[in-house]
């Protein structure tokens, strides 16, 4: 297990990462950062915790929709999503748990 440094909405996070999965985790961080910045930049919500919850819901919804399309099967299952939520909880420990 390795550790990577990541930036989400301008804040640094140290994330645990399985060996060899660093590139995938960086891509996931980029997707989360993009989703959260879009919500923040829309100007209606300012609290990071609320932005994170909305971004997580949007990402989960997109994954669910992708999983329903037989031409484009989802790369994540419910265990993967639970692990993602756990990682988000760990990363947001100072701000409170998502669930």
PDB file of N, CA and C in Angstrom:
ATOM      1  N   UNK A   1       0.856  -1.169   0.000  1.00  0.00           N
ATOM      2  CA  UNK A   1       0.000   0.000   0.000  1.00  0.00           C
ATOM      3  C   UNK A   1       0.901   1.231   0.000  1.00  0.00           C
ATOM      4  N   UNK A   2       0.620   2.122  -0.926  1.00  0.00           N
ATOM      5  CA  UNK A   2       1.380   3.365  -0.998  1.00  0.00           C
ATOM      6  C   UNK A   2       0.464   4.525  -0.620  1.00  0.00           C
ATOM      7  N   UNK A   3       1.015   5.695  -0.611  1.00  0.00           N
ATOM      8  CA  UNK A   3       0.245   6.891  -0.290  1.00  0.00           C
ATOM      9  C   UNK A   3       0.530   7.930  -1.357  1.00  0.00           C
ATOM     10  N   UNK A   4      -0.527   8.612  -1.802  1.00  0.00           N
ATOM     11  CA  UNK A   4      -0.356   9.686  -2.765  1.00  0.00           C
ATOM     12  C   UNK A   4      -0.905  10.972  -2.176  1.00  0.00           C
ATOM     13  N   UNK A   5      -0.383  12.068  -2.665  1.00  0.00           N
ATOM     14  CA  UNK A   5      -0.893  13.389  -2.300  1.00  0.00           C
ATOM     15  C   UNK A   5      -1.830  13.838  -3.416  1.00  0.00           C
ATOM     16  N   UNK A   6      -2.979  14.380  -3.037  1.00  0.00           N
ATOM     17  CA  UNK A   6      -3.958  14.807  -4.030  1.00  0.00           C
ATOM     18  C   UNK A   6      -4.511  16.169  -3.644  1.00  0.00           C
ATOM     19  N   UNK A   7      -4.950  16.905  -4.651  1.00  0.00           N
ATOM     20  CA  UNK A   7      -5.575  18.210  -4.448  1.00  0.00           C
ATOM     21  C   UNK A   7      -7.021  18.130  -4.923  1.00  0.00           C
ATOM     22  N   UNK A   8      -7.943  18.482  -4.044  1.00  0.00           N
ATOM     23  CA  UNK A   8      -9.358  18.553  -4.400  1.00  0.00           C
ATOM     24  C   UNK A   8      -9.857  19.911  -3.935  1.00  0.00           C
ATOM     25  N   UNK A   9     -10.340  20.693  -4.868  1.00  0.00           N
ATOM     26  CA  UNK A   9     -10.811  22.052  -4.588  1.00  0.00           C
ATOM     27  C   UNK A   9      -9.769  22.867  -3.820  1.00  0.00           C
ATOM     28  N   UNK A  10      -8.497  22.684  -4.195  1.00  0.00           N
ATOM     29  CA  UNK A  10      -7.435  23.462  -3.590  1.00  0.00           C
ATOM     30  C   UNK A  10      -6.957  22.988  -2.234  1.00  0.00           C
ATOM     31  N   UNK A  11      -7.502  21.897  -1.729  1.00  0.00           N
ATOM     32  CA  UNK A  11      -7.076  21.358  -0.442  1.00  0.00           C
ATOM     33  C   UNK A  11      -6.307  20.068  -0.664  1.00  0.00           C
ATOM     34  N   UNK A  12      -5.229  19.890   0.098  1.00  0.00           N
ATOM     35  CA  UNK A  12      -4.400  18.702  -0.045  1.00  0.00           C
ATOM     36  C   UNK A  12      -4.914  17.555   0.803  1.00  0.00           C
ATOM     37  N   UNK A  13      -4.804  16.351   0.266  1.00  0.00           N
ATOM     38  CA  UNK A  13      -5.211  15.134   0.954  1.00  0.00           C
ATOM     39  C   UNK A  13      -4.162  14.063   0.727  1.00  0.00           C
ATOM     40  N   UNK A  14      -3.854  13.307   1.772  1.00  0.00           N
ATOM     41  CA  UNK A  14      -2.997  12.137   1.657  1.00  0.00           C
ATOM     42  C   UNK A  14      -3.922  10.930   1.574  1.00  0.00           C
ATOM     43  N   UNK A  15      -3.818  10.179   0.488  1.00  0.00           N
ATOM     44  CA  UNK A  15      -4.718   9.050   0.260  1.00  0.00           C
ATOM     45  C   UNK A  15      -3.938   7.756   0.178  1.00  0.00           C
ATOM     46  N   UNK A  16      -4.438   6.723   0.863  1.00  0.00           N
ATOM     47  CA  UNK A  16      -3.865   5.402   0.731  1.00  0.00           C
ATOM     48  C   UNK A  16      -4.229   4.836  -0.631  1.00  0.00           C
ATOM     49  N   UNK A  17      -3.303   4.084  -1.210  1.00  0.00           N
ATOM     50  CA  UNK A  17      -3.514   3.581  -2.566  1.00  0.00           C
ATOM     51  C   UNK A  17      -2.874   2.204  -2.713  1.00  0.00           C
ATOM     52  N   UNK A  18      -3.631   1.237  -3.256  1.00  0.00           N
ATOM     53  CA  UNK A  18      -3.005  -0.064  -3.518  1.00  0.00           C
ATOM     54  C   UNK A  18      -1.847   0.096  -4.497  1.00  0.00           C
ATOM     55  N   UNK A  19      -0.795  -0.671  -4.281  1.00  0.00           N
ATOM     56  CA  UNK A  19       0.355  -0.611  -5.178  1.00  0.00           C
ATOM     57  C   UNK A  19      -0.073  -0.873  -6.617  1.00  0.00           C
ATOM     58  N   UNK A  20       0.414  -0.039  -7.516  1.00  0.00           N
ATOM     59  CA  UNK A  20       0.112  -0.188  -8.932  1.00  0.00           C
ATOM     60  C   UNK A  20      -1.163   0.511  -9.385  1.00  0.00           C
ATOM     61  N   UNK A  21      -1.914   1.090  -8.459  1.00  0.00           N
ATOM     62  CA  UNK A  21      -3.179   1.738  -8.819  1.00  0.00           C
ATOM     63  C   UNK A  21      -3.092   3.261  -8.733  1.00  0.00           C
ATOM     64  N   UNK A  22      -1.893   3.788  -8.654  1.00  0.00           N
ATOM     65  CA  UNK A  22      -1.723   5.229  -8.469  1.00  0.00           C
ATOM     66  C   UNK A  22      -2.351   6.041  -9.605  1.00  0.00           C
ATOM     67  N   UNK A  23      -2.155   5.611 -10.837  1.00  0.00           N
ATOM     68  CA  UNK A  23      -2.703   6.355 -11.975  1.00  0.00           C
ATOM     69  C   UNK A  23      -4.232   6.366 -11.935  1.00  0.00           C
ATOM     70  N   UNK A  24      -4.843   5.220 -11.631  1.00  0.00           N
ATOM     71  CA  UNK A  24      -6.315   5.172 -11.544  1.00  0.00           C
ATOM     72  C   UNK A  24      -6.825   6.056 -10.418  1.00  0.00           C
ATOM     73  N   UNK A  25      -6.113   6.071  -9.284  1.00  0.00           N
ATOM     74  CA  UNK A  25      -6.547   6.916  -8.173  1.00  0.00           C
ATOM     75  C   UNK A  25      -6.400   8.389  -8.534  1.00  0.00           C
ATOM     76  N   UNK A  26      -5.308   8.765  -9.218  1.00  0.00           N
ATOM     77  CA  UNK A  26      -5.154  10.151  -9.669  1.00  0.00           C
ATOM     78  C   UNK A  26      -6.287  10.536 -10.626  1.00  0.00           C
ATOM     79  N   UNK A  27      -6.692   9.621 -11.505  1.00  0.00           N
ATOM     80  CA  UNK A  27      -7.810   9.899 -12.415  1.00  0.00           C
ATOM     81  C   UNK A  27      -9.106  10.075 -11.632  1.00  0.00           C
ATOM     82  N   UNK A  28      -9.313   9.232 -10.610  1.00  0.00           N
ATOM     83  CA  UNK A  28     -10.516   9.354  -9.782  1.00  0.00           C
ATOM     84  C   UNK A  28     -10.521  10.682  -9.037  1.00  0.00           C
ATOM     85  N   UNK A  29      -9.374  11.072  -8.501  1.00  0.00           N
ATOM     86  CA  UNK A  29      -9.260  12.355  -7.803  1.00  0.00           C
ATOM     87  C   UNK A  29      -9.581  13.495  -8.763  1.00  0.00           C
ATOM     88  N   UNK A  30      -9.066  13.411  -9.983  1.00  0.00           N
ATOM     89  CA  UNK A  30      -9.357  14.445 -10.977  1.00  0.00           C
ATOM     90  C   UNK A  30     -10.836  14.551 -11.282  1.00  0.00           C
ATOM     91  N   UNK A  31     -11.508  13.399 -11.377  1.00  0.00           N
ATOM     92  CA  UNK A  31     -12.948  13.408 -11.646  1.00  0.00           C
ATOM     93  C   UNK A  31     -13.714  14.014 -10.473  1.00  0.00           C
ATOM     94  N   UNK A  32     -13.324  13.662  -9.254  1.00  0.00           N
ATOM     95  CA  UNK A  32     -13.987  14.217  -8.070  1.00  0.00           C
ATOM     96  C   UNK A  32     -13.730  15.724  -7.981  1.00  0.00           C
ATOM     97  N   UNK A  33     -12.491  16.138  -8.219  1.00  0.00           N
ATOM     98  CA  UNK A  33     -12.162  17.559  -8.184  1.00  0.00           C
ATOM     99  C   UNK A  33     -12.986  18.331  -9.216  1.00  0.00           C
ATOM    100  N   UNK A  34     -13.067  17.800 -10.427  1.00  0.00           N
ATOM    101  CA  UNK A  34     -13.841  18.456 -11.480  1.00  0.00           C
ATOM    102  C   UNK A  34     -15.312  18.574 -11.089  1.00  0.00           C
ATOM    103  N   UNK A  35     -15.885  17.470 -10.587  1.00  0.00           N
ATOM    104  CA  UNK A  35     -17.298  17.480 -10.194  1.00  0.00           C
ATOM    105  C   UNK A  35     -17.548  18.480  -9.070  1.00  0.00           C
ATOM    106  N   UNK A  36     -16.653  18.499  -8.074  1.00  0.00           N
ATOM    107  CA  UNK A  36     -16.841  19.418  -6.952  1.00  0.00           C
ATOM    108  C   UNK A  36     -16.650  20.872  -7.375  1.00  0.00           C
ATOM    109  N   UNK A  37     -15.668  21.137  -8.217  1.00  0.00           N
ATOM    110  CA  UNK A  37     -15.436  22.515  -8.675  1.00  0.00           C
ATOM    111  C   UNK A  37     -16.611  23.026  -9.502  1.00  0.00           C
ATOM    112  N   UNK A  38     -17.209  22.167 -10.322  1.00  0.00           N
ATOM    113  CA  UNK A  38     -18.379  22.583 -11.104  1.00  0.00           C
ATOM    114  C   UNK A  38     -19.519  22.999 -10.186  1.00  0.00           C
ATOM    115  N   UNK A  39     -19.748  22.223  -9.130  1.00  0.00           N
ATOM    116  CA  UNK A  39     -20.819  22.554  -8.187  1.00  0.00           C
ATOM    117  C   UNK A  39     -20.485  23.851  -7.461  1.00  0.00           C
ATOM    118  N   UNK A  40     -19.246  23.971  -6.982  1.00  0.00           N
ATOM    119  CA  UNK A  40     -18.823  25.192  -6.285  1.00  0.00           C
ATOM    120  C   UNK A  40     -18.945  26.412  -7.190  1.00  0.00           C
ATOM    121  N   UNK A  41     -18.490  26.269  -8.439  1.00  0.00           N
ATOM    122  CA  UNK A  41     -18.471  27.401  -9.357  1.00  0.00           C
ATOM    123  C   UNK A  41     -19.864  27.823  -9.819  1.00  0.00           C
ATOM    124  N   UNK A  42     -20.836  26.936  -9.650  1.00  0.00           N
ATOM    125  CA  UNK A  42     -22.217  27.309  -9.964  1.00  0.00           C
ATOM    126  C   UNK A  42     -22.705  28.377  -8.984  1.00  0.00           C
ATOM    127  N   UNK A  43     -22.024  28.480  -7.820  1.00  0.00           N
ATOM    128  CA  UNK A  43     -22.258  29.591  -6.905  1.00  0.00           C
ATOM    129  C   UNK A  43     -23.373  29.439  -5.904  1.00  0.00           C
ATOM    130  N   UNK A  44     -24.097  28.334  -5.915  1.00  0.00           N
ATOM    131  CA  UNK A  44     -25.229  28.211  -5.005  1.00  0.00           C
ATOM    132  C   UNK A  44     -24.855  27.545  -3.686  1.00  0.00           C
ATOM    133  N   UNK A  45     -23.790  26.742  -3.680  1.00  0.00           N
ATOM    134  CA  UNK A  45     -23.404  25.996  -2.487  1.00  0.00           C
ATOM    135  C   UNK A  45     -21.948  26.294  -2.191  1.00  0.00           C
ATOM    136  N   UNK A  46     -21.662  26.596  -0.931  1.00  0.00           N
ATOM    137  CA  UNK A  46     -20.302  26.952  -0.553  1.00  0.00           C
ATOM    138  C   UNK A  46     -19.644  25.927   0.372  1.00  0.00           C
ATOM    139  N   UNK A  47     -20.407  25.194   1.173  1.00  0.00           N
ATOM    140  CA  UNK A  47     -19.837  24.251   2.140  1.00  0.00           C
ATOM    141  C   UNK A  47     -19.236  23.043   1.427  1.00  0.00           C
ATOM    142  N   UNK A  48     -17.955  22.759   1.734  1.00  0.00           N
ATOM    143  CA  UNK A  48     -17.273  21.644   1.070  1.00  0.00           C
ATOM    144  C   UNK A  48     -17.981  20.311   1.298  1.00  0.00           C
ATOM    145  N   UNK A  49     -18.481  20.096   2.489  1.00  0.00           N
ATOM    146  CA  UNK A  49     -19.156  18.830   2.785  1.00  0.00           C
ATOM    147  C   UNK A  49     -20.376  18.647   1.887  1.00  0.00           C
ATOM    148  N   UNK A  50     -21.171  19.675   1.741  1.00  0.00           N
ATOM    149  CA  UNK A  50     -22.363  19.582   0.879  1.00  0.00           C
ATOM    150  C   UNK A  50     -21.965  19.398  -0.578  1.00  0.00           C
ATOM    151  N   UNK A  51     -20.934  20.119  -0.999  1.00  0.00           N
ATOM    152  CA  UNK A  51     -20.442  19.970  -2.370  1.00  0.00           C
ATOM    153  C   UNK A  51     -19.973  18.540  -2.596  1.00  0.00           C
ATOM    154  N   UNK A  52     -19.244  17.960  -1.616  1.00  0.00           N
ATOM    155  CA  UNK A  52     -18.753  16.586  -1.741  1.00  0.00           C
ATOM    156  C   UNK A  52     -19.900  15.593  -1.842  1.00  0.00           C
ATOM    157  N   UNK A  53     -20.929  15.787  -1.040  1.00  0.00           N
ATOM    158  CA  UNK A  53     -22.081  14.878  -1.083  1.00  0.00           C
ATOM    159  C   UNK A  53     -22.765  14.966  -2.451  1.00  0.00           C
ATOM    160  N   UNK A  54     -22.989  16.164  -2.946  1.00  0.00           N
ATOM    161  CA  UNK A  54     -23.634  16.315  -4.252  1.00  0.00           C
ATOM    162  C   UNK A  54     -22.775  15.733  -5.372  1.00  0.00           C
ATOM    163  N   UNK A  55     -21.471  15.948  -5.295  1.00  0.00           N
ATOM    164  CA  UNK A  55     -20.581  15.376  -6.307  1.00  0.00           C
ATOM    165  C   UNK A  55     -20.618  13.855  -6.250  1.00  0.00           C
ATOM    166  N   UNK A  56     -20.592  13.285  -5.047  1.00  0.00           N
ATOM    167  CA  UNK A  56     -20.652  11.825  -4.903  1.00  0.00           C
ATOM    168  C   UNK A  56     -21.953  11.274  -5.468  1.00  0.00           C
ATOM    169  N   UNK A  57     -23.054  11.962  -5.214  1.00  0.00           N
ATOM    170  CA  UNK A  57     -24.346  11.520  -5.761  1.00  0.00           C
ATOM    171  C   UNK A  57     -24.330  11.589  -7.280  1.00  0.00           C
ATOM    172  N   UNK A  58     -23.805  12.671  -7.830  1.00  0.00           N
ATOM    173  CA  UNK A  58     -23.731  12.802  -9.292  1.00  0.00           C
ATOM    174  C   UNK A  58     -22.871  11.703  -9.906  1.00  0.00           C
ATOM    175  N   UNK A  59     -21.727  11.424  -9.295  1.00  0.00           N
ATOM    176  CA  UNK A  59     -20.836  10.386  -9.811  1.00  0.00           C
ATOM    177  C   UNK A  59     -21.501   9.019  -9.697  1.00  0.00           C
ATOM    178  N   UNK A  60     -22.122   8.730  -8.558  1.00  0.00           N
ATOM    179  CA  UNK A  60     -22.805   7.440  -8.379  1.00  0.00           C
ATOM    180  C   UNK A  60     -23.947   7.290  -9.384  1.00  0.00           C
ATOM    181  N   UNK A  61     -24.689   8.367  -9.618  1.00  0.00           N
ATOM    182  CA  UNK A  61     -25.775   8.322 -10.592  1.00  0.00           C
ATOM    183  C   UNK A  61     -25.228   8.015 -11.979  1.00  0.00           C
ATOM    184  N   UNK A  62     -24.148   8.694 -12.356  1.00  0.00           N
ATOM    185  CA  UNK A  62     -23.535   8.438 -13.664  1.00  0.00           C
ATOM    186  C   UNK A  62     -23.053   6.998 -13.777  1.00  0.00           C
ATOM    187  N   UNK A  63     -22.452   6.460 -12.707  1.00  0.00           N
ATOM    188  CA  UNK A  63     -22.004   5.069 -12.725  1.00  0.00           C
ATOM    189  C   UNK A  63     -23.186   4.113 -12.857  1.00  0.00           C
ATOM    190  N   UNK A  64     -24.275   4.418 -12.161  1.00  0.00           N
ATOM    191  CA  UNK A  64     -25.474   3.587 -12.236  1.00  0.00           C
ATOM    192  C   UNK A  64     -26.055   3.600 -13.650  1.00  0.00           C
ATOM    193  N   UNK A  65     -26.110   4.770 -14.252  1.00  0.00           N
ATOM    194  CA  UNK A  65     -26.625   4.881 -15.616  1.00  0.00           C
ATOM    195  C   UNK A  65     -25.733   4.126 -16.598  1.00  0.00           C
ATOM    196  N   UNK A  66     -24.429   4.220 -16.399  1.00  0.00           N
ATOM    197  CA  UNK A  66     -23.483   3.513 -17.255  1.00  0.00           C
ATOM    198  C   UNK A  66     -23.663   2.006 -17.106  1.00  0.00           C
ATOM    199  N   UNK A  67     -23.896   1.546 -15.872  1.00  0.00           N
ATOM    200  CA  UNK A  67     -24.062   0.114 -15.622  1.00  0.00           C
ATOM    201  C   UNK A  67     -25.307  -0.436 -16.302  1.00  0.00           C
ATOM    202  N   UNK A  68     -26.324   0.396 -16.502  1.00  0.00           N
ATOM    203  CA  UNK A  68     -27.566  -0.058 -17.150  1.00  0.00           C
ATOM    204  C   UNK A  68     -27.400  -0.207 -18.654  1.00  0.00           C
ATOM    205  N   UNK A  69     -26.365   0.391 -19.227  1.00  0.00           N
ATOM    206  CA  UNK A  69     -26.134   0.349 -20.668  1.00  0.00           C
ATOM    207  C   UNK A  69     -25.288  -0.870 -21.013  1.00  0.00           C
ATOM    208  N   UNK A  70     -25.869  -1.883 -21.680  1.00  0.00           N
ATOM    209  CA  UNK A  70     -25.100  -3.093 -21.981  1.00  0.00           C
ATOM    210  C   UNK A  70     -23.919  -2.836 -22.923  1.00  0.00           C
ATOM    211  N   UNK A  71     -23.939  -1.740 -23.667  1.00  0.00           N
ATOM    212  CA  UNK A  71     -22.827  -1.395 -24.550  1.00  0.00           C
ATOM    213  C   UNK A  71     -21.645  -0.792 -23.789  1.00  0.00           C
ATOM    214  N   UNK A  72     -21.901  -0.353 -22.547  1.00  0.00           N
ATOM    215  CA  UNK A  72     -20.878   0.324 -21.768  1.00  0.00           C
ATOM    216  C   UNK A  72     -20.976  -0.129 -20.310  1.00  0.00           C
ATOM    217  N   UNK A  73     -20.529  -1.342 -19.985  1.00  0.00           N
ATOM    218  CA  UNK A  73     -20.677  -1.833 -18.613  1.00  0.00           C
ATOM    219  C   UNK A  73     -19.869  -1.010 -17.622  1.00  0.00           C
ATOM    220  N   UNK A  74     -20.393  -0.882 -16.430  1.00  0.00           N
ATOM    221  CA  UNK A  74     -19.743  -0.087 -15.386  1.00  0.00           C
ATOM    222  C   UNK A  74     -18.471  -0.767 -14.900  1.00  0.00           C
ATOM    223  N   UNK A  75     -17.403   0.008 -14.725  1.00  0.00           N
ATOM    224  CA  UNK A  75     -16.176  -0.563 -14.187  1.00  0.00           C
ATOM    225  C   UNK A  75     -16.225  -0.743 -12.679  1.00  0.00           C
ATOM    226  N   UNK A  76     -17.286  -0.254 -12.014  1.00  0.00           N
ATOM    227  CA  UNK A  76     -17.368  -0.326 -10.562  1.00  0.00           C
ATOM    228  C   UNK A  76     -18.598  -1.122 -10.143  1.00  0.00           C
ATOM    229  N   UNK A  77     -18.464  -1.852  -9.045  1.00  0.00           N
ATOM    230  CA  UNK A  77     -19.607  -2.538  -8.464  1.00  0.00           C
ATOM    231  C   UNK A  77     -19.902  -1.908  -7.107  1.00  0.00           C
ATOM    232  N   UNK A  78     -20.883  -2.454  -6.384  1.00  0.00           N
ATOM    233  CA  UNK A  78     -21.281  -1.825  -5.121  1.00  0.00           C
ATOM    234  C   UNK A  78     -20.150  -1.845  -4.100  1.00  0.00           C
ATOM    235  N   UNK A  79     -19.295  -2.871  -4.135  1.00  0.00           N
ATOM    236  CA  UNK A  79     -18.149  -2.917  -3.224  1.00  0.00           C
ATOM    237  C   UNK A  79     -17.172  -1.799  -3.547  1.00  0.00           C
ATOM    238  N   UNK A  80     -16.920  -1.569  -4.846  1.00  0.00           N
ATOM    239  CA  UNK A  80     -16.032  -0.479  -5.250  1.00  0.00           C
ATOM    240  C   UNK A  80     -16.581   0.864  -4.793  1.00  0.00           C
ATOM    241  N   UNK A  81     -17.889   1.065  -4.945  1.00  0.00           N
ATOM    242  CA  UNK A  81     -18.506   2.327  -4.546  1.00  0.00           C
ATOM    243  C   UNK A  81     -18.412   2.505  -3.036  1.00  0.00           C
ATOM    244  N   UNK A  82     -18.635   1.429  -2.272  1.00  0.00           N
ATOM    245  CA  UNK A  82     -18.515   1.504  -0.814  1.00  0.00           C
ATOM    246  C   UNK A  82     -17.091   1.873  -0.409  1.00  0.00           C
ATOM    247  N   UNK A  83     -16.102   1.306  -1.110  1.00  0.00           N
ATOM    248  CA  UNK A  83     -14.714   1.641  -0.815  1.00  0.00           C
ATOM    249  C   UNK A  83     -14.419   3.099  -1.173  1.00  0.00           C
ATOM    250  N   UNK A  84     -15.002   3.584  -2.271  1.00  0.00           N
ATOM    251  CA  UNK A  84     -14.824   4.982  -2.653  1.00  0.00           C
ATOM    252  C   UNK A  84     -15.406   5.909  -1.587  1.00  0.00           C
ATOM    253  N   UNK A  85     -16.596   5.581  -1.096  1.00  0.00           N
ATOM    254  CA  UNK A  85     -17.214   6.397  -0.043  1.00  0.00           C
ATOM    255  C   UNK A  85     -16.358   6.370   1.211  1.00  0.00           C
ATOM    256  N   UNK A  86     -15.802   5.210   1.544  1.00  0.00           N
ATOM    257  CA  UNK A  86     -14.923   5.107   2.707  1.00  0.00           C
ATOM    258  C   UNK A  86     -13.691   5.988   2.537  1.00  0.00           C
ATOM    259  N   UNK A  87     -13.114   5.996   1.333  1.00  0.00           N
ATOM    260  CA  UNK A  87     -11.952   6.863   1.069  1.00  0.00           C
ATOM    261  C   UNK A  87     -12.326   8.334   1.183  1.00  0.00           C
ATOM    262  N   UNK A  88     -13.505   8.683   0.673  1.00  0.00           N
ATOM    263  CA  UNK A  88     -13.961  10.077   0.787  1.00  0.00           C
ATOM    264  C   UNK A  88     -14.140  10.445   2.250  1.00  0.00           C
ATOM    265  N   UNK A  89     -14.719   9.524   3.035  1.00  0.00           N
ATOM    266  CA  UNK A  89     -14.877   9.769   4.465  1.00  0.00           C
ATOM    267  C   UNK A  89     -13.525  10.018   5.119  1.00  0.00           C
ATOM    268  N   UNK A  90     -12.539   9.185   4.784  1.00  0.00           N
ATOM    269  CA  UNK A  90     -11.196   9.346   5.354  1.00  0.00           C
ATOM    270  C   UNK A  90     -10.594  10.687   4.945  1.00  0.00           C
ATOM    271  N   UNK A  91     -10.753  11.045   3.679  1.00  0.00           N
ATOM    272  CA  UNK A  91     -10.172  12.298   3.178  1.00  0.00           C
ATOM    273  C   UNK A  91     -10.848  13.518   3.781  1.00  0.00           C
ATOM    274  N   UNK A  92     -12.124  13.386   4.115  1.00  0.00           N
ATOM    275  CA  UNK A  92     -12.869  14.508   4.679  1.00  0.00           C
ATOM    276  C   UNK A  92     -12.992  14.420   6.194  1.00  0.00           C
ATOM    277  N   UNK A  93     -12.147  13.637   6.814  1.00  0.00           N
ATOM    278  CA  UNK A  93     -12.250  13.388   8.263  1.00  0.00           C
ATOM    279  C   UNK A  93     -12.345  14.681   9.072  1.00  0.00           C
ATOM    280  N   UNK A  94     -11.636  15.701   8.646  1.00  0.00           N
ATOM    281  CA  UNK A  94     -11.679  16.970   9.394  1.00  0.00           C
ATOM    282  C   UNK A  94     -13.002  17.699   9.216  1.00  0.00           C
ATOM    283  N   UNK A  95     -13.733  17.381   8.140  1.00  0.00           N
ATOM    284  CA  UNK A  95     -14.980  18.075   7.842  1.00  0.00           C
ATOM    285  C   UNK A  95     -16.213  17.274   8.221  1.00  0.00           C
ATOM    286  N   UNK A  96     -16.063  16.011   8.598  1.00  0.00           N
ATOM    287  CA  UNK A  96     -17.195  15.178   8.937  1.00  0.00           C
ATOM    288  C   UNK A  96     -17.399  14.086   7.905  1.00  0.00           C
ATOM    289  N   UNK A  97     -18.126  13.069   8.305  1.00  0.00           N
ATOM    290  CA  UNK A  97     -18.377  11.908   7.458  1.00  0.00           C
ATOM    291  C   UNK A  97     -19.474  12.214   6.442  1.00  0.00           C
ATOM    292  N   UNK A  98     -19.382  11.544   5.287  1.00  0.00           N
ATOM    293  CA  UNK A  98     -20.418  11.702   4.263  1.00  0.00           C
ATOM    294  C   UNK A  98     -21.675  10.958   4.662  1.00  0.00           C
ATOM    295  N   UNK A  99     -21.518   9.770   5.236  1.00  0.00           N
ATOM    296  CA  UNK A  99     -22.680   8.957   5.613  1.00  0.00           C
ATOM    297  C   UNK A  99     -22.645   8.637   7.080  1.00  0.00           C
TER     298      UNK A  99
END
